[in-house]
N, C-alpha and C. Protein backbone atom coordinates (compact mmCIF):
# COMPACT_ATOMS: atom_id res chain seq x y z
N MET A 1 40.71 -16.12 96.25
CA MET A 1 39.83 -17.21 95.97
C MET A 1 38.90 -16.80 94.84
N SER A 2 38.70 -17.67 93.87
CA SER A 2 37.85 -17.33 92.73
C SER A 2 36.40 -17.65 93.07
N PRO A 3 35.48 -16.86 92.50
CA PRO A 3 34.07 -17.13 92.76
C PRO A 3 33.69 -18.49 92.20
N ALA A 4 32.70 -19.10 92.82
CA ALA A 4 32.24 -20.41 92.36
C ALA A 4 31.67 -20.29 90.96
N GLN A 5 32.08 -21.21 90.12
CA GLN A 5 31.56 -21.22 88.77
C GLN A 5 30.31 -22.09 88.73
N PRO A 6 29.28 -21.65 87.99
CA PRO A 6 28.08 -22.46 87.88
C PRO A 6 28.39 -23.76 87.15
N ASP A 7 27.61 -24.77 87.48
CA ASP A 7 27.79 -26.04 86.79
C ASP A 7 27.58 -25.84 85.30
N ALA A 8 28.50 -26.38 84.54
CA ALA A 8 28.42 -26.24 83.09
C ALA A 8 27.37 -27.19 82.53
N PRO A 9 26.47 -26.67 81.69
CA PRO A 9 25.59 -27.61 81.01
C PRO A 9 26.41 -28.41 80.01
N SER A 10 26.24 -29.65 80.03
CA SER A 10 27.01 -30.52 79.15
C SER A 10 26.48 -30.45 77.72
N PRO A 11 27.38 -30.45 76.73
CA PRO A 11 26.90 -30.52 75.35
C PRO A 11 26.02 -31.75 75.13
N ALA A 12 26.21 -32.76 75.96
CA ALA A 12 25.40 -33.97 75.82
C ALA A 12 23.94 -33.71 76.19
N THR A 13 23.68 -32.60 76.94
CA THR A 13 22.29 -32.31 77.29
C THR A 13 21.48 -31.92 76.06
N LEU A 14 22.16 -31.55 75.00
CA LEU A 14 21.48 -31.27 73.74
C LEU A 14 21.51 -32.54 72.91
N ASP A 15 20.48 -33.35 73.07
CA ASP A 15 20.47 -34.62 72.37
C ASP A 15 20.33 -34.40 70.87
N THR A 16 21.14 -35.11 70.13
CA THR A 16 21.25 -34.92 68.69
C THR A 16 19.91 -35.13 67.97
N ALA A 17 19.20 -36.17 68.35
CA ALA A 17 17.91 -36.43 67.71
C ALA A 17 16.94 -35.30 68.01
N GLY A 18 16.95 -34.80 69.24
CA GLY A 18 16.08 -33.70 69.61
C GLY A 18 16.39 -32.44 68.82
N LEU A 19 17.68 -32.17 68.62
CA LEU A 19 18.06 -31.00 67.81
C LEU A 19 17.64 -31.17 66.36
N ARG A 20 17.78 -32.37 65.84
CA ARG A 20 17.38 -32.64 64.46
C ARG A 20 15.87 -32.42 64.31
N ASP A 21 15.09 -32.94 65.27
CA ASP A 21 13.64 -32.75 65.23
C ASP A 21 13.29 -31.27 65.35
N SER A 22 13.99 -30.57 66.24
CA SER A 22 13.74 -29.13 66.42
C SER A 22 14.08 -28.36 65.16
N ALA A 23 15.17 -28.73 64.51
CA ALA A 23 15.55 -28.05 63.27
C ALA A 23 14.45 -28.22 62.22
N ALA A 24 13.86 -29.41 62.15
CA ALA A 24 12.78 -29.64 61.19
C ALA A 24 11.56 -28.79 61.53
N VAL A 25 11.27 -28.65 62.82
CA VAL A 25 10.14 -27.81 63.25
C VAL A 25 10.40 -26.36 62.86
N PHE A 26 11.60 -25.85 63.16
CA PHE A 26 11.92 -24.47 62.82
C PHE A 26 11.92 -24.24 61.31
N ALA A 27 12.39 -25.23 60.56
CA ALA A 27 12.38 -25.10 59.09
C ALA A 27 10.94 -25.03 58.58
N ALA A 28 10.07 -25.87 59.13
CA ALA A 28 8.67 -25.84 58.71
C ALA A 28 8.02 -24.51 59.06
N LEU A 29 8.33 -23.98 60.22
CA LEU A 29 7.74 -22.71 60.65
C LEU A 29 8.42 -21.51 60.00
N GLY A 30 9.52 -21.74 59.32
CA GLY A 30 10.22 -20.66 58.63
C GLY A 30 9.46 -20.15 57.41
N ASP A 31 8.46 -20.89 56.99
CA ASP A 31 7.62 -20.46 55.88
C ASP A 31 6.45 -19.66 56.46
N GLU A 32 6.24 -18.46 55.95
CA GLU A 32 5.21 -17.57 56.49
C GLU A 32 3.81 -18.17 56.40
N THR A 33 3.52 -18.86 55.32
CA THR A 33 2.20 -19.47 55.16
C THR A 33 1.97 -20.54 56.22
N ARG A 34 2.97 -21.38 56.44
CA ARG A 34 2.82 -22.44 57.44
C ARG A 34 2.71 -21.84 58.84
N LEU A 35 3.47 -20.79 59.10
CA LEU A 35 3.37 -20.13 60.40
C LEU A 35 1.96 -19.57 60.60
N ARG A 36 1.39 -18.98 59.56
CA ARG A 36 0.02 -18.46 59.65
C ARG A 36 -0.99 -19.59 59.88
N LEU A 37 -0.78 -20.72 59.23
CA LEU A 37 -1.68 -21.86 59.43
C LEU A 37 -1.62 -22.35 60.87
N VAL A 38 -0.43 -22.46 61.42
CA VAL A 38 -0.29 -22.88 62.82
C VAL A 38 -0.97 -21.88 63.74
N ALA A 39 -0.77 -20.59 63.48
CA ALA A 39 -1.41 -19.56 64.31
C ALA A 39 -2.93 -19.66 64.23
N ALA A 40 -3.45 -19.90 63.03
CA ALA A 40 -4.89 -20.03 62.87
C ALA A 40 -5.42 -21.25 63.63
N LEU A 41 -4.70 -22.35 63.56
CA LEU A 41 -5.13 -23.56 64.26
C LEU A 41 -5.01 -23.40 65.77
N CYS A 42 -4.02 -22.66 66.22
CA CYS A 42 -3.88 -22.39 67.67
C CYS A 42 -5.05 -21.55 68.16
N ALA A 43 -5.44 -20.57 67.37
CA ALA A 43 -6.51 -19.64 67.78
C ALA A 43 -7.90 -20.24 67.58
N GLY A 44 -8.07 -21.03 66.52
CA GLY A 44 -9.41 -21.47 66.16
C GLY A 44 -9.73 -22.91 66.42
N GLY A 45 -8.79 -23.67 66.95
CA GLY A 45 -9.04 -25.10 67.14
C GLY A 45 -9.03 -25.85 65.83
N ALA A 46 -9.64 -27.02 65.84
CA ALA A 46 -9.66 -27.86 64.64
C ALA A 46 -10.43 -27.16 63.53
N MET A 47 -9.84 -27.19 62.33
CA MET A 47 -10.44 -26.50 61.19
C MET A 47 -10.30 -27.34 59.94
N SER A 48 -11.26 -27.17 59.04
CA SER A 48 -11.22 -27.84 57.74
C SER A 48 -10.38 -27.01 56.77
N ILE A 49 -10.05 -27.61 55.65
CA ILE A 49 -9.33 -26.89 54.60
C ILE A 49 -10.16 -25.69 54.14
N ALA A 50 -11.47 -25.90 54.00
CA ALA A 50 -12.34 -24.79 53.57
C ALA A 50 -12.26 -23.63 54.55
N GLN A 51 -12.26 -23.93 55.86
CA GLN A 51 -12.16 -22.87 56.86
C GLN A 51 -10.80 -22.18 56.80
N LEU A 52 -9.76 -22.96 56.56
CA LEU A 52 -8.41 -22.40 56.52
C LEU A 52 -8.16 -21.55 55.27
N THR A 53 -8.90 -21.82 54.20
CA THR A 53 -8.70 -21.04 52.98
C THR A 53 -9.71 -19.90 52.83
N ALA A 54 -10.72 -19.85 53.69
CA ALA A 54 -11.75 -18.81 53.59
C ALA A 54 -11.11 -17.42 53.66
N GLY A 55 -11.47 -16.57 52.71
CA GLY A 55 -10.95 -15.21 52.67
C GLY A 55 -9.51 -15.11 52.20
N SER A 56 -8.98 -16.18 51.69
CA SER A 56 -7.59 -16.21 51.23
C SER A 56 -7.55 -16.49 49.74
N ALA A 57 -6.49 -16.04 49.12
CA ALA A 57 -6.30 -16.32 47.69
C ALA A 57 -5.65 -17.69 47.48
N MET A 58 -5.25 -18.34 48.55
CA MET A 58 -4.58 -19.65 48.43
C MET A 58 -5.58 -20.73 48.05
N THR A 59 -5.11 -21.64 47.22
CA THR A 59 -5.96 -22.76 46.83
C THR A 59 -5.98 -23.80 47.94
N ARG A 60 -6.99 -24.62 47.92
CA ARG A 60 -7.07 -25.71 48.89
C ARG A 60 -5.88 -26.66 48.73
N GLN A 61 -5.48 -26.86 47.49
CA GLN A 61 -4.35 -27.75 47.22
C GLN A 61 -3.06 -27.20 47.85
N ALA A 62 -2.84 -25.89 47.74
CA ALA A 62 -1.64 -25.29 48.33
C ALA A 62 -1.66 -25.40 49.85
N VAL A 63 -2.82 -25.14 50.45
CA VAL A 63 -2.93 -25.25 51.91
C VAL A 63 -2.70 -26.69 52.34
N THR A 64 -3.26 -27.62 51.59
CA THR A 64 -3.07 -29.04 51.91
C THR A 64 -1.59 -29.41 51.89
N LYS A 65 -0.85 -28.92 50.91
CA LYS A 65 0.59 -29.22 50.84
C LYS A 65 1.32 -28.65 52.06
N HIS A 66 0.97 -27.44 52.46
CA HIS A 66 1.61 -26.85 53.64
C HIS A 66 1.24 -27.63 54.90
N LEU A 67 0.00 -28.06 55.01
CA LEU A 67 -0.42 -28.84 56.17
C LEU A 67 0.29 -30.19 56.21
N GLU A 68 0.56 -30.77 55.07
CA GLU A 68 1.30 -32.04 55.03
C GLU A 68 2.72 -31.85 55.56
N VAL A 69 3.36 -30.74 55.21
CA VAL A 69 4.70 -30.45 55.73
C VAL A 69 4.63 -30.32 57.25
N LEU A 70 3.65 -29.58 57.74
CA LEU A 70 3.49 -29.40 59.19
C LEU A 70 3.19 -30.73 59.88
N SER A 71 2.44 -31.58 59.21
CA SER A 71 2.11 -32.89 59.75
C SER A 71 3.35 -33.78 59.84
N GLN A 72 4.21 -33.71 58.83
CA GLN A 72 5.43 -34.52 58.81
C GLN A 72 6.34 -34.22 59.99
N VAL A 73 6.33 -32.98 60.49
CA VAL A 73 7.19 -32.63 61.63
C VAL A 73 6.41 -32.69 62.95
N GLY A 74 5.16 -33.12 62.88
CA GLY A 74 4.38 -33.34 64.09
C GLY A 74 3.71 -32.12 64.68
N LEU A 75 3.59 -31.05 63.90
CA LEU A 75 2.96 -29.83 64.43
C LEU A 75 1.44 -29.83 64.29
N VAL A 76 0.93 -30.58 63.33
CA VAL A 76 -0.51 -30.69 63.14
C VAL A 76 -0.87 -32.14 62.88
N ARG A 77 -2.14 -32.43 63.11
CA ARG A 77 -2.65 -33.76 62.73
C ARG A 77 -4.05 -33.58 62.20
N ASP A 78 -4.48 -34.55 61.42
CA ASP A 78 -5.82 -34.47 60.86
C ASP A 78 -6.66 -35.63 61.35
N SER A 79 -7.96 -35.41 61.28
CA SER A 79 -8.91 -36.47 61.61
C SER A 79 -10.10 -36.31 60.67
N LYS A 80 -10.79 -37.39 60.45
CA LYS A 80 -11.95 -37.36 59.56
C LYS A 80 -13.19 -36.99 60.37
N ALA A 81 -13.98 -36.10 59.80
CA ALA A 81 -15.28 -35.74 60.37
C ALA A 81 -16.26 -35.77 59.21
N GLY A 82 -16.89 -36.91 59.02
CA GLY A 82 -17.75 -37.08 57.85
C GLY A 82 -16.89 -37.13 56.60
N ARG A 83 -17.18 -36.24 55.68
CA ARG A 83 -16.40 -36.18 54.43
C ARG A 83 -15.23 -35.21 54.53
N GLU A 84 -15.14 -34.49 55.62
CA GLU A 84 -14.08 -33.49 55.78
C GLU A 84 -12.92 -34.01 56.62
N ARG A 85 -11.78 -33.45 56.34
CA ARG A 85 -10.61 -33.66 57.20
C ARG A 85 -10.48 -32.41 58.05
N LEU A 86 -10.41 -32.59 59.35
CA LEU A 86 -10.19 -31.48 60.26
C LEU A 86 -8.74 -31.51 60.72
N TRP A 87 -8.12 -30.36 60.70
CA TRP A 87 -6.73 -30.23 61.09
C TRP A 87 -6.66 -29.52 62.44
N GLN A 88 -5.75 -29.99 63.29
CA GLN A 88 -5.56 -29.32 64.57
C GLN A 88 -4.09 -29.29 64.95
N PHE A 89 -3.75 -28.29 65.74
CA PHE A 89 -2.38 -28.08 66.20
C PHE A 89 -2.03 -29.12 67.24
N GLU A 90 -0.80 -29.61 67.18
CA GLU A 90 -0.25 -30.55 68.16
C GLU A 90 0.95 -29.88 68.82
N PRO A 91 0.87 -29.49 70.09
CA PRO A 91 1.93 -28.69 70.71
C PRO A 91 3.21 -29.44 71.10
N ALA A 92 3.20 -30.75 71.13
CA ALA A 92 4.35 -31.50 71.67
C ALA A 92 5.67 -31.16 70.97
N GLN A 93 5.70 -31.15 69.65
CA GLN A 93 6.95 -30.88 68.93
C GLN A 93 7.42 -29.45 69.13
N LEU A 94 6.48 -28.52 69.20
CA LEU A 94 6.86 -27.13 69.43
C LEU A 94 7.42 -26.97 70.85
N ASP A 95 6.84 -27.68 71.80
CA ASP A 95 7.36 -27.66 73.17
C ASP A 95 8.78 -28.23 73.22
N ALA A 96 9.01 -29.32 72.49
CA ALA A 96 10.35 -29.92 72.45
C ALA A 96 11.35 -28.96 71.81
N ALA A 97 10.94 -28.26 70.75
CA ALA A 97 11.82 -27.29 70.10
C ALA A 97 12.13 -26.14 71.06
N ARG A 98 11.14 -25.71 71.83
CA ARG A 98 11.36 -24.65 72.82
C ARG A 98 12.37 -25.11 73.87
N ARG A 99 12.25 -26.36 74.31
CA ARG A 99 13.21 -26.88 75.30
C ARG A 99 14.62 -26.92 74.72
N SER A 100 14.75 -27.25 73.43
CA SER A 100 16.07 -27.24 72.79
C SER A 100 16.66 -25.83 72.81
N LEU A 101 15.84 -24.84 72.49
CA LEU A 101 16.32 -23.45 72.53
C LEU A 101 16.71 -23.03 73.94
N GLU A 102 15.95 -23.48 74.93
CA GLU A 102 16.29 -23.16 76.31
C GLU A 102 17.62 -23.79 76.71
N ALA A 103 17.87 -25.03 76.28
CA ALA A 103 19.14 -25.69 76.58
C ALA A 103 20.30 -24.96 75.92
N ILE A 104 20.11 -24.53 74.68
CA ILE A 104 21.14 -23.75 73.99
C ILE A 104 21.37 -22.44 74.73
N GLY A 105 20.29 -21.80 75.17
CA GLY A 105 20.39 -20.56 75.94
C GLY A 105 21.18 -20.75 77.22
N ARG A 106 20.94 -21.87 77.91
CA ARG A 106 21.70 -22.14 79.14
C ARG A 106 23.18 -22.31 78.84
N GLN A 107 23.51 -22.94 77.72
CA GLN A 107 24.92 -23.10 77.36
C GLN A 107 25.55 -21.73 77.07
N TRP A 108 24.84 -20.86 76.38
CA TRP A 108 25.34 -19.51 76.12
C TRP A 108 25.52 -18.75 77.43
N ASP A 109 24.53 -18.85 78.32
CA ASP A 109 24.63 -18.16 79.61
C ASP A 109 25.87 -18.64 80.37
N HIS A 110 26.10 -19.94 80.34
CA HIS A 110 27.27 -20.48 81.03
C HIS A 110 28.57 -19.98 80.41
N ALA A 111 28.64 -19.97 79.09
CA ALA A 111 29.84 -19.50 78.40
C ALA A 111 30.10 -18.02 78.70
N LEU A 112 29.04 -17.23 78.71
CA LEU A 112 29.20 -15.80 79.03
C LEU A 112 29.62 -15.59 80.48
N MET A 113 29.10 -16.41 81.39
CA MET A 113 29.50 -16.32 82.80
C MET A 113 30.98 -16.66 82.95
N LYS A 114 31.44 -17.68 82.24
CA LYS A 114 32.85 -18.04 82.30
C LYS A 114 33.72 -16.90 81.78
N LEU A 115 33.30 -16.27 80.69
CA LEU A 115 34.04 -15.14 80.13
C LEU A 115 34.06 -13.99 81.12
N LYS A 116 32.94 -13.69 81.74
CA LYS A 116 32.86 -12.61 82.72
C LYS A 116 33.81 -12.88 83.89
N LEU A 117 33.78 -14.10 84.40
CA LEU A 117 34.65 -14.45 85.52
C LEU A 117 36.13 -14.34 85.13
N ALA A 118 36.47 -14.76 83.93
CA ALA A 118 37.85 -14.67 83.47
C ALA A 118 38.31 -13.22 83.36
N VAL A 119 37.44 -12.36 82.83
CA VAL A 119 37.78 -10.94 82.70
C VAL A 119 37.92 -10.31 84.09
N GLU A 120 37.03 -10.65 84.99
CA GLU A 120 37.08 -10.09 86.35
C GLU A 120 38.34 -10.54 87.09
N GLN A 121 38.77 -11.76 86.86
CA GLN A 121 39.96 -12.27 87.53
C GLN A 121 41.24 -11.58 87.03
N GLU A 122 41.22 -11.10 85.80
CA GLU A 122 42.38 -10.41 85.25
C GLU A 122 42.53 -9.02 85.85
N HIS A 123 41.47 -8.46 86.37
CA HIS A 123 41.52 -7.09 86.91
C HIS A 123 41.53 -7.08 88.38
């Protein structure tokens, strides 16, 4: 009798739109500057462009462009506070990307379990 095989995660569990959104998140975070900006916003809460550029050689214009990319994929959002725009991290898209990676991991785990069972059955 063969050991019970775990239920296979269906490829349909990886929704195409979710993967596309996750790919955009990973692409945005693939840039070191944007990753640093997200880390700063996670650690420091809402921050202005001036705060984000303090002690850096980057121009405000360059930081603004990076923040716009992060905003387009839903990782940050801005709000007005007087004359300043404050930027803050939005975790929802990163959480969705993490769930996509977990689903892919479950598919790999299942495939490896099937391979292990097949090898064990041959011996």
